[in-house]
Amino acid sequence: MTITRRALLGALAAGVAGPSFSARAEDAWPSRMVRLISPYGPGGSNDISLRLLAEEFSRSLRQQFIVENKPGAGTRIANDMVAHAPDDGYTILYVAAPYATAEALFGKLTYERKDLQPVAMAVIAPLFLIISAEAPFKTLPDLIAYGKSKPDGLTFASPGAGSQPHLAGELLFRDAGVKGLNIPFRGDAASYTELLAGRVDATLTALPTALPYIQSGKFTVLGVASAERSALYPQAPTLREQGFPNVAAAGWYGFMVPSTTPRAIVDKFQAEVLRALAEPAIKDKLTAQGLEVRAGTAAEFGRFIDAETQKWTRLIRDAGLKGE
């Protein structure tokens, strides 16, 4: 086979240009629209906080950051989508707490933990125990007594199987000695509709979308599932104060990308997330939505996820919980 001089020079040029072109592409990130994948439907705390941050990223990095909602399967649909996405930094997961519990609840997944890497932790969402103001019970002891009086016990709405509200609800059922049924919905907004209609008894939820209902007198807050009262709504007693010390949980969100995403892109986006979360205006907007900033580096977020996984896996196994 004869190799022409032109072909040989072309091959050499491609070999030399390839790595430098790749490096330039990474340095130029983002050079086009970036998709931020939310694992929940519109209207919940995950979606609200992500849209606030997307607007800031778009302004700062001068590229469009759009939010795509991919709800379902306890966040596994969104997790799987990003785990198998191209590793070019243009598809980013706004991961939620069920990421740490999915394997314990559901067994083998369609993706592996090694398929995704953390970029930065963003916020936490304290969980409040909410009932309809029209419910026949007005306090946590009343709610438990009501559940014990019913053959099928209590019904709890949650934003998905394996979510922190689901797990916290299951722990409350167990510790209160009452039967309970978790009913998953695609996002907080759907849960509230059912709660207002009286088709479910209660929900554990972050404050953002519930606050207007609380302020208008449609919802009543029975407590918060935190170690201490939340500054977001300090009048709510903790569930620990009310005799349930094990019922402590919070939602949390952060950013992850496919594990083979170039380090230069990960580092640049990590710096952008931490910068945005340090902005007083962003903090104020997130606080107004009932969220607490918990900025963390990729390494810190990775350790946090590992600790959450170990904690909840133990509890899931001890309680015999299974995802549906």
Protein backbone atom coordinates (compact mmCIF):
# COMPACT_ATOMS: atom_id res chain seq x y z
CA MET A 1 0.00 0.00 0.00
CA THR A 2 1.40 3.39 -1.04
CA ILE A 3 1.16 6.27 1.43
CA THR A 4 1.30 9.67 -0.25
CA ARG A 5 3.22 12.56 1.23
CA ARG A 6 -0.02 14.52 1.60
CA ALA A 7 -1.72 11.68 3.54
CA LEU A 8 1.30 11.25 5.82
CA LEU A 9 1.44 14.97 6.60
CA GLY A 10 -2.33 14.97 7.21
CA ALA A 11 -2.07 12.10 9.68
CA LEU A 12 0.78 13.76 11.54
CA ALA A 13 -1.13 17.02 11.69
CA ALA A 14 -4.21 15.27 13.10
CA GLY A 15 -2.10 13.57 15.75
CA VAL A 16 -0.57 16.85 16.83
CA ALA A 17 -3.76 18.91 16.62
CA GLY A 18 -6.03 16.42 18.43
CA PRO A 19 -4.89 16.90 22.03
CA SER A 20 -4.47 20.66 21.67
CA PHE A 21 -7.95 20.95 20.15
CA SER A 22 -9.38 18.93 23.05
CA ALA A 23 -7.62 21.13 25.56
CA ARG A 24 -8.96 24.25 23.86
CA ALA A 25 -12.51 22.82 23.96
CA GLU A 26 -12.24 22.22 27.71
CA ASP A 27 -10.79 25.67 28.32
CA ALA A 28 -13.62 27.23 26.28
CA TRP A 29 -16.36 25.50 28.27
CA PRO A 30 -19.15 26.48 28.13
CA SER A 31 -19.24 27.40 24.45
CA ARG A 32 -22.90 26.43 23.95
CA MET A 33 -26.09 25.74 25.91
CA VAL A 34 -25.77 23.64 29.10
CA ARG A 35 -28.59 21.36 30.25
CA LEU A 36 -29.20 21.17 34.01
CA ILE A 37 -31.23 18.05 34.80
CA SER A 38 -33.69 18.20 37.71
CA PRO A 39 -34.90 14.80 39.00
CA TYR A 40 -38.24 16.27 40.10
CA GLY A 41 -41.18 17.97 38.43
CA PRO A 42 -41.66 21.74 38.24
CA GLY A 43 -42.54 23.70 41.35
CA GLY A 44 -40.65 21.90 44.11
CA SER A 45 -37.61 23.09 46.05
CA ASN A 46 -35.20 21.24 43.75
CA ASP A 47 -36.67 22.89 40.68
CA ILE A 48 -36.97 26.36 42.24
CA SER A 49 -33.39 26.49 43.54
CA LEU A 50 -32.00 25.12 40.29
CA ARG A 51 -33.77 27.78 38.22
CA LEU A 52 -32.37 30.51 40.47
CA LEU A 53 -28.85 29.13 40.02
CA ALA A 54 -29.30 28.54 36.28
CA GLU A 55 -30.15 32.20 35.83
CA GLU A 56 -26.99 33.20 37.71
CA PHE A 57 -24.78 30.77 35.74
CA SER A 58 -26.19 32.10 32.47
CA ARG A 59 -25.42 35.68 33.48
CA SER A 60 -21.94 34.93 34.80
CA LEU A 61 -20.71 32.48 32.15
CA ARG A 62 -22.52 34.17 29.24
CA GLN A 63 -24.07 30.95 27.97
CA GLN A 64 -27.59 29.64 28.33
CA PHE A 65 -28.13 27.19 31.21
CA ILE A 66 -31.56 25.58 30.87
CA VAL A 67 -33.43 23.40 33.37
CA GLU A 68 -34.91 20.12 32.16
CA ASN A 69 -37.25 18.27 34.53
CA LYS A 70 -36.90 14.49 34.36
CA PRO A 71 -39.04 13.23 37.28
CA GLY A 72 -39.83 9.67 38.21
CA ALA A 73 -38.52 6.44 39.74
CA GLY A 74 -37.29 8.14 42.90
CA THR A 75 -34.85 10.35 40.89
CA ARG A 76 -33.34 7.32 39.13
CA ILE A 77 -34.52 8.44 35.69
CA ALA A 78 -32.52 11.67 35.92
CA ASN A 79 -29.55 9.93 37.55
CA ASP A 80 -29.41 7.32 34.79
CA MET A 81 -29.78 9.93 32.06
CA VAL A 82 -26.76 11.93 33.23
CA ALA A 83 -24.70 8.84 34.13
CA HIS A 84 -24.91 7.81 30.46
CA ALA A 85 -24.66 11.31 28.97
CA PRO A 86 -21.63 12.56 27.01
CA ASP A 87 -18.80 13.60 29.31
CA ASP A 88 -18.41 17.06 27.77
CA GLY A 89 -19.90 19.15 30.58
CA TYR A 90 -23.09 20.03 28.74
CA THR A 91 -25.41 17.69 30.68
CA ILE A 92 -25.27 18.22 34.46
CA LEU A 93 -27.31 16.55 37.20
CA TYR A 94 -28.79 18.54 40.08
CA VAL A 95 -28.68 15.49 42.29
CA ALA A 96 -31.02 15.01 45.24
CA ALA A 97 -30.91 13.02 48.47
CA PRO A 98 -32.45 9.79 47.03
CA TYR A 99 -29.19 9.27 45.14
CA ALA A 100 -27.69 8.05 48.43
CA THR A 101 -30.52 5.60 49.14
CA ALA A 102 -31.44 4.21 45.71
CA GLU A 103 -29.30 1.08 45.82
CA ALA A 104 -30.37 0.15 49.35
CA LEU A 105 -34.03 0.58 48.45
CA PHE A 106 -34.12 -0.80 44.92
CA GLY A 107 -31.13 -3.13 44.56
CA LYS A 108 -29.23 -3.21 41.29
CA LEU A 109 -29.60 0.01 39.31
CA THR A 110 -29.26 0.84 35.62
CA TYR A 111 -26.23 2.97 36.52
CA GLU A 112 -23.42 2.64 39.04
CA ARG A 113 -22.11 5.14 41.55
CA LYS A 114 -18.81 5.16 39.69
CA ASP A 115 -20.62 6.52 36.61
CA LEU A 116 -21.08 9.93 38.25
CA GLN A 117 -18.73 12.26 40.08
CA PRO A 118 -19.57 15.14 42.43
CA VAL A 119 -18.88 18.73 41.44
CA ALA A 120 -20.25 20.78 44.35
CA MET A 121 -22.83 20.65 47.11
CA ALA A 122 -25.40 23.46 47.00
CA VAL A 123 -28.25 23.58 49.54
CA ILE A 124 -30.22 21.65 52.12
CA ALA A 125 -33.98 21.71 52.63
CA PRO A 126 -35.23 21.11 56.20
CA LEU A 127 -38.34 18.93 56.21
CA PHE A 128 -41.52 20.11 57.90
CA LEU A 129 -44.46 17.91 58.89
CA ILE A 130 -47.50 19.47 57.24
CA ILE A 131 -51.23 18.74 57.46
CA SER A 132 -54.32 20.40 56.00
CA ALA A 133 -55.87 23.00 58.28
CA GLU A 134 -59.18 21.22 57.63
CA ALA A 135 -57.90 17.87 58.96
CA PRO A 136 -59.65 16.33 62.00
CA PHE A 137 -56.33 16.40 63.93
CA LYS A 138 -54.38 19.50 64.99
CA THR A 139 -51.22 18.23 66.74
CA LEU A 140 -48.69 15.45 66.25
CA PRO A 141 -50.18 13.34 69.09
CA ASP A 142 -53.60 13.86 67.50
CA LEU A 143 -52.25 12.69 64.14
CA ILE A 144 -50.73 9.54 65.65
CA ALA A 145 -53.92 8.76 67.60
CA TYR A 146 -55.96 9.27 64.43
CA GLY A 147 -53.72 6.84 62.54
CA LYS A 148 -54.05 4.22 65.25
CA SER A 149 -57.82 4.54 65.11
CA LYS A 150 -57.90 3.66 61.40
CA PRO A 151 -57.52 0.05 60.19
CA ASP A 152 -55.16 1.15 57.40
CA GLY A 153 -53.36 3.78 59.45
CA LEU A 154 -52.03 7.04 58.01
CA THR A 155 -51.35 8.09 54.43
CA PHE A 156 -48.30 10.25 53.74
CA ALA A 157 -47.60 12.04 50.46
CA SER A 158 -43.99 12.28 49.29
CA PRO A 159 -42.20 13.59 46.18
CA GLY A 160 -41.08 10.07 45.32
CA ALA A 161 -40.13 6.64 46.63
CA GLY A 162 -36.79 6.79 48.39
CA SER A 163 -36.91 10.56 48.89
CA GLN A 164 -36.00 12.00 52.27
CA PRO A 165 -39.67 12.80 53.05
CA HIS A 166 -40.53 9.18 52.30
CA LEU A 167 -37.82 7.80 54.58
CA ALA A 168 -38.55 10.27 57.36
CA GLY A 169 -42.23 9.35 57.15
CA GLU A 170 -41.42 5.66 57.36
CA LEU A 171 -39.29 6.29 60.44
CA LEU A 172 -42.14 8.21 62.04
CA PHE A 173 -44.53 5.32 61.34
CA ARG A 174 -42.09 2.88 62.92
CA ASP A 175 -41.23 4.95 65.99
CA ALA A 176 -44.86 5.97 66.60
CA GLY A 177 -46.08 2.38 66.28
CA VAL A 178 -48.67 3.31 63.68
CA LYS A 179 -49.45 1.81 60.29
CA GLY A 180 -48.60 4.05 57.38
CA LEU A 181 -48.65 4.15 53.61
CA ASN A 182 -46.28 6.31 51.57
CA ILE A 183 -47.92 7.65 48.40
CA PRO A 184 -45.32 9.03 45.96
CA PHE A 185 -46.09 11.90 43.60
CA ARG A 186 -43.99 13.61 40.94
CA GLY A 187 -43.04 16.67 42.92
CA ASP A 188 -44.31 18.64 45.91
CA ALA A 189 -47.06 20.49 44.05
CA ALA A 190 -48.98 17.26 43.34
CA SER A 191 -48.63 16.21 46.98
CA TYR A 192 -50.16 19.49 48.13
CA THR A 193 -53.15 19.07 45.82
CA GLU A 194 -53.92 15.70 47.42
CA LEU A 195 -53.37 17.07 50.92
CA LEU A 196 -55.73 19.98 50.33
CA ALA A 197 -58.34 17.61 48.92
CA GLY A 198 -58.13 15.43 52.04
CA ARG A 199 -57.00 12.36 50.11
CA VAL A 200 -53.79 12.04 52.16
CA ASP A 201 -53.30 12.78 55.85
CA ALA A 202 -49.92 14.51 55.93
CA THR A 203 -46.63 15.13 54.20
CA LEU A 204 -43.05 15.92 55.14
CA THR A 205 -41.85 18.65 52.86
CA ALA A 206 -39.38 21.46 52.34
CA LEU A 207 -40.76 24.92 53.04
CA PRO A 208 -40.59 26.73 49.65
CA THR A 209 -43.83 25.79 47.92
CA ALA A 210 -45.68 25.05 51.18
CA LEU A 211 -45.10 28.51 52.65
CA PRO A 212 -47.89 30.33 50.76
CA TYR A 213 -50.36 27.66 51.93
CA ILE A 214 -49.10 28.01 55.51
CA GLN A 215 -49.32 31.81 55.41
CA SER A 216 -52.84 31.67 53.96
CA GLY A 217 -53.97 29.27 56.71
CA LYS A 218 -54.58 26.30 54.42
CA PHE A 219 -51.77 24.19 55.91
CA THR A 220 -50.73 23.64 59.53
CA VAL A 221 -47.12 22.85 60.52
CA LEU A 222 -46.80 20.15 63.19
CA GLY A 223 -42.99 20.07 63.44
CA VAL A 224 -39.62 19.92 61.71
CA ALA A 225 -37.47 16.80 61.23
CA SER A 226 -34.20 18.46 62.28
CA ALA A 227 -31.85 18.16 65.24
CA GLU A 228 -32.68 21.78 66.10
CA ARG A 229 -35.44 24.20 65.21
CA SER A 230 -34.96 25.77 61.81
CA ALA A 231 -34.31 29.49 61.49
CA LEU A 232 -36.56 29.33 58.44
CA TYR A 233 -39.61 28.65 60.61
CA PRO A 234 -38.54 28.68 64.28
CA GLN A 235 -42.05 28.36 65.68
CA ALA A 236 -42.16 24.73 64.50
CA PRO A 237 -40.97 22.36 67.26
CA THR A 238 -38.65 19.54 66.23
CA LEU A 239 -40.01 16.02 66.07
CA ARG A 240 -37.30 15.18 68.59
CA GLU A 241 -38.87 17.63 71.05
CA GLN A 242 -42.14 15.77 70.58
CA GLY A 243 -40.77 12.35 71.43
CA PHE A 244 -39.32 11.10 68.14
CA PRO A 245 -35.52 11.50 68.36
CA ASN A 246 -34.76 9.22 65.41
CA VAL A 247 -36.90 11.10 62.91
CA ALA A 248 -34.29 13.50 61.53
CA ALA A 249 -33.78 14.10 57.82
CA ALA A 250 -33.30 16.88 55.29
CA GLY A 251 -33.39 17.16 51.57
CA TRP A 252 -30.16 18.16 49.88
CA TYR A 253 -29.08 19.11 46.39
CA GLY A 254 -25.82 19.45 44.54
CA PHE A 255 -24.21 19.01 41.16
CA MET A 256 -22.78 15.86 39.54
CA VAL A 257 -21.47 15.02 36.07
CA PRO A 258 -20.42 11.84 34.26
CA SER A 259 -17.34 10.42 35.93
CA THR A 260 -15.09 10.82 32.86
CA THR A 261 -15.82 14.54 32.49
CA PRO A 262 -12.47 16.37 32.15
CA ARG A 263 -11.09 17.76 35.38
CA ALA A 264 -10.74 21.23 33.85
CA ILE A 265 -14.52 21.41 33.32
CA VAL A 266 -15.29 20.01 36.78
CA ASP A 267 -12.98 22.53 38.43
CA LYS A 268 -14.38 25.46 36.45
CA PHE A 269 -18.00 24.59 37.21
CA GLN A 270 -17.19 23.88 40.88
CA ALA A 271 -15.69 27.36 41.18
CA GLU A 272 -18.76 28.87 39.50
CA VAL A 273 -21.19 27.07 41.84
CA LEU A 274 -19.27 28.13 44.95
CA ARG A 275 -19.02 31.70 43.68
CA ALA A 276 -22.76 31.87 42.99
CA LEU A 277 -23.69 30.43 46.39
CA ALA A 278 -21.48 33.04 48.12
CA GLU A 279 -23.40 35.91 46.49
CA PRO A 280 -25.57 37.63 49.12
CA ALA A 281 -28.40 38.13 46.62
CA ILE A 282 -28.42 34.42 45.75
CA LYS A 283 -28.34 33.44 49.42
CA ASP A 284 -31.26 35.74 50.14
CA LYS A 285 -33.30 34.32 47.26
CA LEU A 286 -32.64 30.75 48.39
CA THR A 287 -33.46 31.58 52.02
CA ALA A 288 -36.70 33.17 50.86
CA GLN A 289 -37.51 29.83 49.26
CA GLY A 290 -36.92 27.96 52.53
CA LEU A 291 -33.48 26.62 51.63
CA GLU A 292 -30.20 26.82 53.52
CA VAL A 293 -26.95 27.24 51.58
CA ARG A 294 -24.49 24.41 52.25
CA ALA A 295 -21.78 25.05 49.69
CA GLY A 296 -19.14 22.32 49.44
CA THR A 297 -16.31 21.36 47.11
CA ALA A 298 -16.34 18.20 45.01
CA ALA A 299 -14.27 16.38 47.64
CA GLU A 300 -16.48 17.57 50.50
CA PHE A 301 -19.63 16.67 48.60
CA GLY A 302 -18.25 13.21 47.86
CA ARG A 303 -17.59 12.57 51.55
CA PHE A 304 -21.05 13.86 52.43
CA ILE A 305 -22.71 11.51 49.94
CA ASP A 306 -20.72 8.56 51.31
CA ALA A 307 -21.79 9.40 54.88
CA GLU A 308 -25.44 9.77 53.86
CA THR A 309 -25.32 6.47 51.99
CA GLN A 310 -23.95 4.61 55.00
CA LYS A 311 -26.41 6.23 57.42
CA TRP A 312 -29.54 5.60 55.38
CA THR A 313 -28.52 2.15 54.16
CA ARG A 314 -28.29 1.04 57.80
CA LEU A 315 -31.69 2.52 58.62
CA ILE A 316 -33.35 1.13 55.48
CA ARG A 317 -32.10 -2.37 56.23
CA ASP A 318 -32.97 -2.19 59.93
CA ALA A 319 -36.49 -1.00 59.11
CA GLY A 320 -36.89 -3.50 56.27
CA LEU A 321 -37.85 -0.81 53.77
CA LYS A 322 -38.09 -1.60 50.07
CA GLY A 323 -38.67 0.69 47.13
CA GLU A 324 -41.56 0.14 44.78
